[in-house]
């Protein structure tokens, strides 16, 4: 599997590009901001890839800022959980108005093509088998994507040595605890984890060392 990453300037959010190999179709995951579309287009061109879809792990701006120029530029759909779709046009619902006010004059809109995802959907894309895992807590519509039973795109649910914050609108510590117990700790050790921020890791390593997971196992 070909995996490339571009950390966006806004909160160092990881934008992942996945494909079976060079010269094939690819998916783009969580294109952040400010506009990283030129950087992602450069990766796509360098690897001779053809984007066919954008997957969004959740609706926070640092994961969705560049979804419109990339989705509309390549004429491809963007996929997001139904609970977070509203954030594409009204980001204040999961950020708060004060943060959004810092983007004065910015017009928020959806890409031309948006598809809603829910829990436990399995679909084929670019030669990869992808399963959706609804994992609320960071936001109510947070998703993880299991790819080929090899890779887990964890968004801001699970990070290397940490987890996503739960104090923003739509977040919940109690719900996150349940997600970690039932959706993360249930994953097999061999999975490589591609998080929304920071370095990649594995389920096995996080199970042993991540304090937020260890406390659930006491």
Protein backbone atom coordinates (compact mmCIF):
# COMPACT_ATOMS: atom_id res chain seq x y z
CA UNK A 1 0.00 0.00 0.00
CA UNK A 2 1.30 3.44 -0.92
CA UNK A 3 0.88 5.91 1.97
CA UNK A 4 1.94 9.53 1.83
CA UNK A 5 1.32 12.26 4.42
CA UNK A 6 1.37 16.05 4.37
CA UNK A 7 1.11 17.83 7.76
CA UNK A 8 -0.96 20.95 7.20
CA UNK A 9 0.15 24.24 8.84
CA UNK A 10 -3.10 24.58 10.83
CA UNK A 11 -2.48 22.52 13.99
CA UNK A 12 -0.14 20.17 12.05
CA UNK A 13 -3.06 18.08 10.86
CA UNK A 14 -2.06 15.02 8.84
CA UNK A 15 -3.50 14.81 5.35
CA UNK A 16 -3.07 11.23 4.15
CA UNK A 17 -2.98 9.97 0.56
CA UNK A 18 -3.57 6.22 0.14
CA UNK A 19 -3.32 4.03 -2.96
CA UNK A 20 -2.33 0.52 -3.92
CA UNK A 21 0.80 1.88 -5.59
CA UNK A 22 2.22 4.47 -7.94
CA UNK A 23 0.17 5.17 -11.05
CA UNK A 24 -3.09 4.03 -9.47
CA UNK A 25 -6.23 5.66 -8.14
CA UNK A 26 -6.04 7.16 -4.65
CA UNK A 27 -8.07 8.54 -1.78
CA UNK A 28 -7.28 11.73 0.12
CA UNK A 29 -8.01 11.88 3.85
CA UNK A 30 -8.50 15.06 5.91
CA UNK A 31 -7.15 17.90 3.76
CA UNK A 32 -6.50 20.67 6.28
CA UNK A 33 -5.53 24.27 6.09
CA UNK A 34 -4.74 26.91 5.24
CA UNK A 35 -5.28 25.76 1.67
CA UNK A 36 -3.07 22.70 1.20
CA UNK A 37 -4.51 21.77 -2.18
CA UNK A 38 -1.28 22.72 -4.08
CA UNK A 39 0.75 20.47 -1.77
CA UNK A 40 -1.63 17.53 -2.18
CA UNK A 41 -1.80 18.06 -5.93
CA UNK A 42 2.01 17.91 -6.00
CA UNK A 43 2.02 14.56 -4.16
CA UNK A 44 -0.64 13.21 -6.51
CA UNK A 45 1.32 14.32 -9.57
CA UNK A 46 4.64 13.01 -8.26
CA UNK A 47 3.19 9.55 -7.66
CA UNK A 48 1.12 9.66 -10.88
CA UNK A 49 -2.10 9.09 -8.94
CA UNK A 50 -5.75 9.71 -9.77
CA UNK A 51 -7.87 10.89 -6.81
CA UNK A 52 -11.35 9.40 -6.69
CA UNK A 53 -12.61 10.40 -3.22
CA UNK A 54 -11.93 12.44 -0.11
CA UNK A 55 -12.60 10.89 3.29
CA UNK A 56 -13.17 13.15 6.29
CA UNK A 57 -12.70 11.67 9.75
CA UNK A 58 -14.72 14.53 11.25
CA UNK A 59 -15.85 18.08 10.62
CA UNK A 60 -13.22 20.24 12.36
CA UNK A 61 -11.71 22.89 10.11
CA UNK A 62 -8.16 21.69 10.53
CA UNK A 63 -9.30 18.49 8.79
CA UNK A 64 -11.69 19.96 6.21
CA UNK A 65 -10.33 23.39 5.23
CA UNK A 66 -9.15 22.31 1.78
CA UNK A 67 -11.93 19.86 0.95
CA UNK A 68 -13.71 22.23 -1.46
CA UNK A 69 -10.77 23.07 -3.77
CA UNK A 70 -9.63 19.44 -3.88
CA UNK A 71 -13.03 17.79 -4.26
CA UNK A 72 -14.29 20.28 -6.83
CA UNK A 73 -10.92 20.56 -8.54
CA UNK A 74 -10.76 16.80 -9.14
CA UNK A 75 -14.57 16.48 -9.53
CA UNK A 76 -14.71 13.83 -6.81
CA UNK A 77 -17.04 13.32 -3.82
CA UNK A 78 -16.24 14.03 -0.19
CA UNK A 79 -17.44 11.55 2.44
CA UNK A 80 -18.34 12.56 6.00
CA UNK A 81 -20.49 11.17 8.82
CA UNK A 82 -24.03 12.51 8.77
CA UNK A 83 -23.65 14.00 12.27
CA UNK A 84 -20.77 16.27 11.19
CA UNK A 85 -21.96 17.30 7.74
CA UNK A 86 -23.50 20.56 9.00
CA UNK A 87 -20.04 21.70 10.10
CA UNK A 88 -18.99 22.03 6.46
CA UNK A 89 -21.27 25.07 6.07
CA UNK A 90 -21.63 26.10 9.72
CA UNK A 91 -18.30 25.28 11.40
CA UNK A 92 -19.30 27.22 14.51
CA UNK A 93 -21.55 24.31 15.57
CA UNK A 94 -18.48 22.27 16.55
CA UNK A 95 -15.92 25.05 17.05
CA UNK A 96 -17.74 27.85 18.79
CA UNK A 97 -18.32 31.31 17.36
CA UNK A 98 -15.18 32.93 18.80
CA UNK A 99 -12.81 30.66 16.87
CA UNK A 100 -14.77 31.02 13.63
CA UNK A 101 -14.73 34.80 14.00
CA UNK A 102 -10.97 34.70 13.39
CA UNK A 103 -11.77 33.75 9.77
CA UNK A 104 -13.60 37.01 9.07
CA UNK A 105 -15.00 37.17 5.55
CA UNK A 106 -14.53 33.46 4.83
CA UNK A 107 -17.53 31.86 3.12
CA UNK A 108 -18.10 28.26 4.16
CA UNK A 109 -19.69 25.86 1.70
CA UNK A 110 -19.82 22.20 0.82
CA UNK A 111 -18.08 20.63 -2.15
CA UNK A 112 -20.34 19.98 -5.12
CA UNK A 113 -20.60 16.30 -4.17
CA UNK A 114 -20.97 15.17 -0.56
CA UNK A 115 -21.88 11.66 0.56
CA UNK A 116 -22.89 10.80 4.11
CA UNK A 117 -21.43 7.83 5.94
CA UNK A 118 -22.65 5.92 8.96
CA UNK A 119 -21.27 3.17 11.17
CA UNK A 120 -20.08 -0.17 9.85
CA UNK A 121 -20.29 0.59 6.15
CA UNK A 122 -17.92 -1.43 3.97
CA UNK A 123 -17.02 -0.26 0.50
CA UNK A 124 -14.34 -0.78 -2.14
CA UNK A 125 -12.31 2.19 -3.34
CA UNK A 126 -9.10 2.37 -5.39
CA UNK A 127 -8.53 -1.35 -4.88
CA UNK A 128 -8.80 -1.02 -1.10
CA UNK A 129 -11.49 -2.35 1.23
CA UNK A 130 -12.59 0.35 3.65
CA UNK A 131 -14.79 -0.07 6.73
CA UNK A 132 -16.28 2.86 8.61
CA UNK A 133 -16.21 2.87 12.39
CA UNK A 134 -18.36 5.52 14.08
CA UNK A 135 -16.23 6.72 17.00
CA UNK A 136 -17.88 9.74 18.69
CA UNK A 137 -16.41 11.67 21.58
CA UNK A 138 -14.13 14.17 19.85
CA UNK A 139 -17.14 15.15 17.74
CA UNK A 140 -20.46 13.38 17.46
CA UNK A 141 -19.70 12.40 13.86
CA UNK A 142 -16.10 11.24 14.25
CA UNK A 143 -15.17 8.27 12.09
CA UNK A 144 -12.25 5.91 11.91
CA UNK A 145 -11.51 4.07 8.67
CA UNK A 146 -10.18 0.52 8.65
CA UNK A 147 -8.32 -0.11 5.40
CA UNK A 148 -7.62 -3.66 4.20
CA UNK A 149 -7.46 -4.84 7.83
CA UNK A 150 -3.95 -3.34 7.81
CA UNK A 151 -4.31 0.36 8.54
CA UNK A 152 -6.56 2.36 10.85
CA UNK A 153 -7.12 6.01 9.96
CA UNK A 154 -7.99 7.21 13.45
CA UNK A 155 -8.54 10.93 12.94
CA UNK A 156 -8.54 12.66 16.31
CA UNK A 157 -9.93 9.67 18.19
CA UNK A 158 -6.56 8.02 18.85
CA UNK A 159 -3.20 9.77 18.65
CA UNK A 160 0.27 8.46 19.46
CA UNK A 161 0.36 8.58 23.25
CA UNK A 162 -2.82 10.59 23.52
CA UNK A 163 -6.42 11.08 22.33
CA UNK A 164 -8.40 13.94 20.84
CA UNK A 165 -9.81 16.65 23.07
CA UNK A 166 -13.42 16.40 24.18
CA UNK A 167 -14.14 19.92 25.44
CA UNK A 168 -15.30 21.51 22.19
CA UNK A 169 -18.97 21.71 21.13
CA UNK A 170 -20.15 18.21 20.19
CA UNK A 171 -17.42 16.54 22.22
CA UNK A 172 -18.00 14.37 25.28
CA UNK A 173 -15.53 12.79 27.69
CA UNK A 174 -18.01 10.08 28.66
CA UNK A 175 -18.76 9.21 25.06
CA UNK A 176 -15.05 9.19 24.22
CA UNK A 177 -14.41 6.74 27.06
CA UNK A 178 -17.00 4.39 25.60
CA UNK A 179 -15.51 4.77 22.13
CA UNK A 180 -12.03 3.96 23.39
CA UNK A 181 -13.32 0.92 25.26
CA UNK A 182 -15.49 -0.52 22.52
CA UNK A 183 -14.11 0.81 19.23
CA UNK A 184 -10.36 1.22 19.83
CA UNK A 185 -9.34 -1.42 22.36
CA UNK A 186 -11.29 -3.99 20.33
CA UNK A 187 -9.00 -3.50 17.33
CA UNK A 188 -6.25 -6.08 16.64
CA UNK A 189 -2.71 -5.31 17.74
CA UNK A 190 -1.18 -5.50 14.26
CA UNK A 191 -3.00 -2.47 12.88
CA UNK A 192 -0.85 0.47 11.86
CA UNK A 193 -2.55 3.64 13.09
CA UNK A 194 -2.48 6.78 10.93
CA UNK A 195 -3.69 9.56 13.25
CA UNK A 196 -4.94 13.06 12.61
CA UNK A 197 -1.89 14.61 14.26
CA UNK A 198 1.60 13.45 15.07
CA UNK A 199 3.47 10.27 14.14
CA UNK A 200 1.92 6.98 13.13
CA UNK A 201 1.79 4.17 15.67
CA UNK A 202 0.22 0.74 16.20
CA UNK A 203 -2.68 -0.55 18.24
CA UNK A 204 -0.30 -2.87 20.09
CA UNK A 205 2.00 -0.01 21.11
CA UNK A 206 -0.86 2.24 22.17
CA UNK A 207 -2.52 -0.54 24.15
CA UNK A 208 0.70 -0.93 26.17
CA UNK A 209 1.76 2.70 26.52
CA UNK A 210 -1.08 5.15 25.92
CA UNK A 211 -2.22 6.36 29.38
CA UNK A 212 -5.77 6.97 28.18
CA UNK A 213 -6.10 3.37 27.07
CA UNK A 214 -4.20 1.87 30.00
CA UNK A 215 -6.56 3.45 32.52
CA UNK A 216 -9.51 1.76 30.82
CA UNK A 217 -7.88 -1.62 31.28
CA UNK A 218 -7.26 -1.27 35.04
